[in-house]
């Protein structure tokens, strides 16, 4: 599937609806904690992929 097609389907109205549902499900106090956890996960993923690329470069030398 083309990513442009997926992005074309989701408009501003749908994003607002999704955000309202997230706030109702998790509550306003939990959202910063969730985003902090997501941020840590993304950082760990980037660090791991960076180390993997370094290992591949070292093996090719």
PDB file of N, CA and C in Angstrom:
ATOM      1  N   UNK A   1       0.829  -1.181   0.000  1.00  0.00           N
ATOM      2  CA  UNK A   1       0.000   0.000   0.000  1.00  0.00           C
ATOM      3  C   UNK A   1       0.874   1.245   0.000  1.00  0.00           C
ATOM      4  N   UNK A   2       0.487   2.228  -0.733  1.00  0.00           N
ATOM      5  CA  UNK A   2       1.241   3.468  -0.814  1.00  0.00           C
ATOM      6  C   UNK A   2       0.948   4.334   0.409  1.00  0.00           C
ATOM      7  N   UNK A   3       1.996   4.902   0.999  1.00  0.00           N
ATOM      8  CA  UNK A   3       1.805   5.706   2.209  1.00  0.00           C
ATOM      9  C   UNK A   3       1.015   6.972   1.906  1.00  0.00           C
ATOM     10  N   UNK A   4       1.084   7.485   0.691  1.00  0.00           N
ATOM     11  CA  UNK A   4       0.314   8.679   0.342  1.00  0.00           C
ATOM     12  C   UNK A   4      -1.189   8.408   0.382  1.00  0.00           C
ATOM     13  N   UNK A   5      -1.570   7.210   0.029  1.00  0.00           N
ATOM     14  CA  UNK A   5      -2.983   6.854   0.066  1.00  0.00           C
ATOM     15  C   UNK A   5      -3.471   6.833   1.512  1.00  0.00           C
ATOM     16  N   UNK A   6      -2.683   6.261   2.393  1.00  0.00           N
ATOM     17  CA  UNK A   6      -3.067   6.182   3.804  1.00  0.00           C
ATOM     18  C   UNK A   6      -3.163   7.577   4.401  1.00  0.00           C
ATOM     19  N   UNK A   7      -2.184   8.421   4.137  1.00  0.00           N
ATOM     20  CA  UNK A   7      -2.204   9.779   4.676  1.00  0.00           C
ATOM     21  C   UNK A   7      -3.345  10.602   4.091  1.00  0.00           C
ATOM     22  N   UNK A   8      -3.741  10.313   2.884  1.00  0.00           N
ATOM     23  CA  UNK A   8      -4.842  11.036   2.264  1.00  0.00           C
ATOM     24  C   UNK A   8      -6.179  10.719   2.895  1.00  0.00           C
ATOM     25  N   UNK A   9      -6.309   9.536   3.454  1.00  0.00           N
ATOM     26  CA  UNK A   9      -7.571   9.124   4.069  1.00  0.00           C
ATOM     27  C   UNK A   9      -7.777   9.814   5.416  1.00  0.00           C
ATOM     28  N   UNK A  10      -6.703  10.009   6.166  1.00  0.00           N
ATOM     29  CA  UNK A  10      -6.806  10.597   7.507  1.00  0.00           C
ATOM     30  C   UNK A  10      -6.734  12.110   7.377  1.00  0.00           C
ATOM     31  N   UNK A  11      -7.826  12.763   7.723  1.00  0.00           N
ATOM     32  CA  UNK A  11      -7.888  14.216   7.662  1.00  0.00           C
ATOM     33  C   UNK A  11      -7.886  14.826   9.051  1.00  0.00           C
ATOM     34  N   UNK A  12      -7.979  16.136   9.123  1.00  0.00           N
ATOM     35  CA  UNK A  12      -7.954  16.829  10.421  1.00  0.00           C
ATOM     36  C   UNK A  12      -9.112  16.422  11.335  1.00  0.00           C
ATOM     37  N   UNK A  13     -10.276  16.183  10.757  1.00  0.00           N
ATOM     38  CA  UNK A  13     -11.416  15.772  11.577  1.00  0.00           C
ATOM     39  C   UNK A  13     -11.165  14.417  12.235  1.00  0.00           C
ATOM     40  N   UNK A  14     -10.584  13.489  11.490  1.00  0.00           N
ATOM     41  CA  UNK A  14     -10.314  12.169  12.035  1.00  0.00           C
ATOM     42  C   UNK A  14      -9.252  12.245  13.128  1.00  0.00           C
ATOM     43  N   UNK A  15      -8.257  13.096  12.951  1.00  0.00           N
ATOM     44  CA  UNK A  15      -7.215  13.249  13.972  1.00  0.00           C
ATOM     45  C   UNK A  15      -7.815  13.784  15.262  1.00  0.00           C
ATOM     46  N   UNK A  16      -8.704  14.759  15.159  1.00  0.00           N
ATOM     47  CA  UNK A  16      -9.358  15.317  16.358  1.00  0.00           C
ATOM     48  C   UNK A  16     -10.171  14.241  17.059  1.00  0.00           C
ATOM     49  N   UNK A  17     -10.891  13.445  16.300  1.00  0.00           N
ATOM     50  CA  UNK A  17     -11.700  12.370  16.892  1.00  0.00           C
ATOM     51  C   UNK A  17     -10.801  11.364  17.609  1.00  0.00           C
ATOM     52  N   UNK A  18      -9.686  10.996  16.980  1.00  0.00           N
ATOM     53  CA  UNK A  18      -8.758  10.050  17.598  1.00  0.00           C
ATOM     54  C   UNK A  18      -8.195  10.625  18.888  1.00  0.00           C
ATOM     55  N   UNK A  19      -7.815  11.904  18.887  1.00  0.00           N
ATOM     56  CA  UNK A  19      -7.274  12.531  20.095  1.00  0.00           C
ATOM     57  C   UNK A  19      -8.306  12.559  21.222  1.00  0.00           C
ATOM     58  N   UNK A  20      -9.560  12.849  20.886  1.00  0.00           N
ATOM     59  CA  UNK A  20     -10.618  12.861  21.905  1.00  0.00           C
ATOM     60  C   UNK A  20     -10.791  11.463  22.499  1.00  0.00           C
ATOM     61  N   UNK A  21     -10.757  10.444  21.664  1.00  0.00           N
ATOM     62  CA  UNK A  21     -10.899   9.064  22.154  1.00  0.00           C
ATOM     63  C   UNK A  21      -9.730   8.704  23.060  1.00  0.00           C
ATOM     64  N   UNK A  22      -8.507   9.104  22.683  1.00  0.00           N
ATOM     65  CA  UNK A  22      -7.332   8.812  23.507  1.00  0.00           C
ATOM     66  C   UNK A  22      -7.462   9.492  24.871  1.00  0.00           C
ATOM     67  N   UNK A  23      -7.904  10.741  24.883  1.00  0.00           N
ATOM     68  CA  UNK A  23      -8.066  11.458  26.159  1.00  0.00           C
ATOM     69  C   UNK A  23      -9.134  10.780  27.011  1.00  0.00           C
ATOM     70  N   UNK A  24     -10.214  10.342  26.400  1.00  0.00           N
ATOM     71  CA  UNK A  24     -11.269   9.668  27.162  1.00  0.00           C
ATOM     72  C   UNK A  24     -10.797   8.327  27.716  1.00  0.00           C
ATOM     73  N   UNK A  25     -10.004   7.601  26.940  1.00  0.00           N
ATOM     74  CA  UNK A  25      -9.550   6.285  27.386  1.00  0.00           C
ATOM     75  C   UNK A  25      -8.490   6.372  28.479  1.00  0.00           C
ATOM     76  N   UNK A  26      -7.521   7.244  28.309  1.00  0.00           N
ATOM     77  CA  UNK A  26      -6.382   7.267  29.212  1.00  0.00           C
ATOM     78  C   UNK A  26      -6.440   8.389  30.242  1.00  0.00           C
ATOM     79  N   UNK A  27      -7.199   9.411  29.994  1.00  0.00           N
ATOM     80  CA  UNK A  27      -7.250  10.547  30.899  1.00  0.00           C
ATOM     81  C   UNK A  27      -6.113  11.514  30.594  1.00  0.00           C
ATOM     82  N   UNK A  28      -6.326  12.769  30.883  1.00  0.00           N
ATOM     83  CA  UNK A  28      -5.354  13.810  30.543  1.00  0.00           C
ATOM     84  C   UNK A  28      -4.059  13.657  31.329  1.00  0.00           C
ATOM     85  N   UNK A  29      -4.123  13.092  32.530  1.00  0.00           N
ATOM     86  CA  UNK A  29      -2.926  12.963  33.363  1.00  0.00           C
ATOM     87  C   UNK A  29      -1.987  11.864  32.862  1.00  0.00           C
ATOM     88  N   UNK A  30      -2.523  10.849  32.211  1.00  0.00           N
ATOM     89  CA  UNK A  30      -1.708   9.715  31.764  1.00  0.00           C
ATOM     90  C   UNK A  30      -1.033   9.961  30.419  1.00  0.00           C
ATOM     91  N   UNK A  31      -1.544  10.871  29.621  1.00  0.00           N
ATOM     92  CA  UNK A  31      -1.008  11.074  28.275  1.00  0.00           C
ATOM     93  C   UNK A  31       0.463  11.492  28.295  1.00  0.00           C
ATOM     94  N   UNK A  32       0.892  12.457  29.150  1.00  0.00           N
ATOM     95  CA  UNK A  32       2.332  12.785  29.163  1.00  0.00           C
ATOM     96  C   UNK A  32       3.209  11.590  29.528  1.00  0.00           C
ATOM     97  N   UNK A  33       2.739  10.752  30.443  1.00  0.00           N
ATOM     98  CA  UNK A  33       3.492   9.551  30.810  1.00  0.00           C
ATOM     99  C   UNK A  33       3.606   8.597  29.621  1.00  0.00           C
ATOM    100  N   UNK A  34       2.517   8.443  28.879  1.00  0.00           N
ATOM    101  CA  UNK A  34       2.533   7.573  27.708  1.00  0.00           C
ATOM    102  C   UNK A  34       3.501   8.101  26.652  1.00  0.00           C
ATOM    103  N   UNK A  35       3.465   9.401  26.403  1.00  0.00           N
ATOM    104  CA  UNK A  35       4.353   9.996  25.395  1.00  0.00           C
ATOM    105  C   UNK A  35       5.820   9.906  25.826  1.00  0.00           C
ATOM    106  N   UNK A  36       6.066  10.026  27.128  1.00  0.00           N
ATOM    107  CA  UNK A  36       7.429   9.883  27.641  1.00  0.00           C
ATOM    108  C   UNK A  36       7.931   8.464  27.371  1.00  0.00           C
ATOM    109  N   UNK A  37       7.089   7.493  27.615  1.00  0.00           N
ATOM    110  CA  UNK A  37       7.455   6.103  27.346  1.00  0.00           C
ATOM    111  C   UNK A  37       7.696   5.848  25.871  1.00  0.00           C
ATOM    112  N   UNK A  38       6.858   6.428  25.025  1.00  0.00           N
ATOM    113  CA  UNK A  38       7.030   6.275  23.581  1.00  0.00           C
ATOM    114  C   UNK A  38       8.350   6.911  23.152  1.00  0.00           C
ATOM    115  N   UNK A  39       8.657   8.082  23.697  1.00  0.00           N
ATOM    116  CA  UNK A  39       9.908   8.759  23.369  1.00  0.00           C
ATOM    117  C   UNK A  39      11.126   7.944  23.762  1.00  0.00           C
ATOM    118  N   UNK A  40      11.070   7.343  24.948  1.00  0.00           N
ATOM    119  CA  UNK A  40      12.184   6.487  25.395  1.00  0.00           C
ATOM    120  C   UNK A  40      12.337   5.287  24.469  1.00  0.00           C
ATOM    121  N   UNK A  41      11.231   4.708  24.070  1.00  0.00           N
ATOM    122  CA  UNK A  41      11.274   3.557  23.168  1.00  0.00           C
ATOM    123  C   UNK A  41      11.877   3.914  21.821  1.00  0.00           C
ATOM    124  N   UNK A  42      11.502   5.068  21.290  1.00  0.00           N
ATOM    125  CA  UNK A  42      12.053   5.507  20.006  1.00  0.00           C
ATOM    126  C   UNK A  42      13.547   5.765  20.134  1.00  0.00           C
ATOM    127  N   UNK A  43      13.958   6.389  21.245  1.00  0.00           N
ATOM    128  CA  UNK A  43      15.382   6.669  21.455  1.00  0.00           C
ATOM    129  C   UNK A  43      16.181   5.369  21.538  1.00  0.00           C
ATOM    130  N   UNK A  44      15.682   4.392  22.280  1.00  0.00           N
ATOM    131  CA  UNK A  44      16.357   3.108  22.396  1.00  0.00           C
ATOM    132  C   UNK A  44      16.452   2.416  21.030  1.00  0.00           C
ATOM    133  N   UNK A  45      15.397   2.515  20.240  1.00  0.00           N
ATOM    134  CA  UNK A  45      15.393   1.906  18.912  1.00  0.00           C
ATOM    135  C   UNK A  45      16.452   2.556  18.024  1.00  0.00           C
ATOM    136  N   UNK A  46      16.522   3.891  18.042  1.00  0.00           N
ATOM    137  CA  UNK A  46      17.521   4.597  17.237  1.00  0.00           C
ATOM    138  C   UNK A  46      18.931   4.242  17.687  1.00  0.00           C
ATOM    139  N   UNK A  47      19.144   4.169  19.004  1.00  0.00           N
ATOM    140  CA  UNK A  47      20.461   3.795  19.520  1.00  0.00           C
ATOM    141  C   UNK A  47      20.849   2.389  19.056  1.00  0.00           C
ATOM    142  N   UNK A  48      19.899   1.467  19.118  1.00  0.00           N
ATOM    143  CA  UNK A  48      20.176   0.085  18.723  1.00  0.00           C
ATOM    144  C   UNK A  48      20.473  -0.010  17.233  1.00  0.00           C
ATOM    145  N   UNK A  49      19.720   0.701  16.410  1.00  0.00           N
ATOM    146  CA  UNK A  49      19.969   0.646  14.976  1.00  0.00           C
ATOM    147  C   UNK A  49      21.293   1.326  14.640  1.00  0.00           C
ATOM    148  N   UNK A  50      21.640   2.368  15.360  1.00  0.00           N
ATOM    149  CA  UNK A  50      22.929   3.029  15.135  1.00  0.00           C
ATOM    150  C   UNK A  50      24.090   2.116  15.473  1.00  0.00           C
ATOM    151  N   UNK A  51      23.977   1.378  16.565  1.00  0.00           N
ATOM    152  CA  UNK A  51      25.030   0.426  16.942  1.00  0.00           C
ATOM    153  C   UNK A  51      25.146  -0.691  15.919  1.00  0.00           C
ATOM    154  N   UNK A  52      24.018  -1.133  15.395  1.00  0.00           N
ATOM    155  CA  UNK A  52      24.024  -2.194  14.392  1.00  0.00           C
ATOM    156  C   UNK A  52      24.734  -1.722  13.129  1.00  0.00           C
ATOM    157  N   UNK A  53      24.492  -0.484  12.720  1.00  0.00           N
ATOM    158  CA  UNK A  53      25.156   0.057  11.537  1.00  0.00           C
ATOM    159  C   UNK A  53      26.659   0.176  11.766  1.00  0.00           C
ATOM    160  N   UNK A  54      27.064   0.570  12.979  1.00  0.00           N
ATOM    161  CA  UNK A  54      28.485   0.657  13.307  1.00  0.00           C
ATOM    162  C   UNK A  54      29.133  -0.726  13.235  1.00  0.00           C
ATOM    163  N   UNK A  55      28.435  -1.741  13.727  1.00  0.00           N
ATOM    164  CA  UNK A  55      28.962  -3.106  13.676  1.00  0.00           C
ATOM    165  C   UNK A  55      29.151  -3.574  12.236  1.00  0.00           C
ATOM    166  N   UNK A  56      28.210  -3.241  11.366  1.00  0.00           N
ATOM    167  CA  UNK A  56      28.323  -3.627   9.955  1.00  0.00           C
ATOM    168  C   UNK A  56      29.492  -2.924   9.306  1.00  0.00           C
ATOM    169  N   UNK A  57      29.710  -1.645   9.621  1.00  0.00           N
ATOM    170  CA  UNK A  57      30.842  -0.913   9.055  1.00  0.00           C
ATOM    171  C   UNK A  57      32.157  -1.508   9.527  1.00  0.00           C
ATOM    172  N   UNK A  58      32.232  -1.893  10.814  1.00  0.00           N
ATOM    173  CA  UNK A  58      33.451  -2.481  11.357  1.00  0.00           C
ATOM    174  C   UNK A  58      33.741  -3.829  10.694  1.00  0.00           C
ATOM    175  N   UNK A  59      32.709  -4.611  10.410  1.00  0.00           N
ATOM    176  CA  UNK A  59      32.895  -5.917   9.775  1.00  0.00           C
ATOM    177  C   UNK A  59      33.398  -5.776   8.341  1.00  0.00           C
ATOM    178  N   UNK A  60      33.001  -4.708   7.661  1.00  0.00           N
ATOM    179  CA  UNK A  60      33.390  -4.519   6.269  1.00  0.00           C
ATOM    180  C   UNK A  60      34.821  -4.023   6.123  1.00  0.00           C
ATOM    181  N   UNK A  61      35.432  -3.554   7.178  1.00  0.00           N
ATOM    182  CA  UNK A  61      36.800  -3.024   7.090  1.00  0.00           C
ATOM    183  C   UNK A  61      37.823  -4.125   7.035  1.00  0.00           C
TER     184      UNK A  61
END
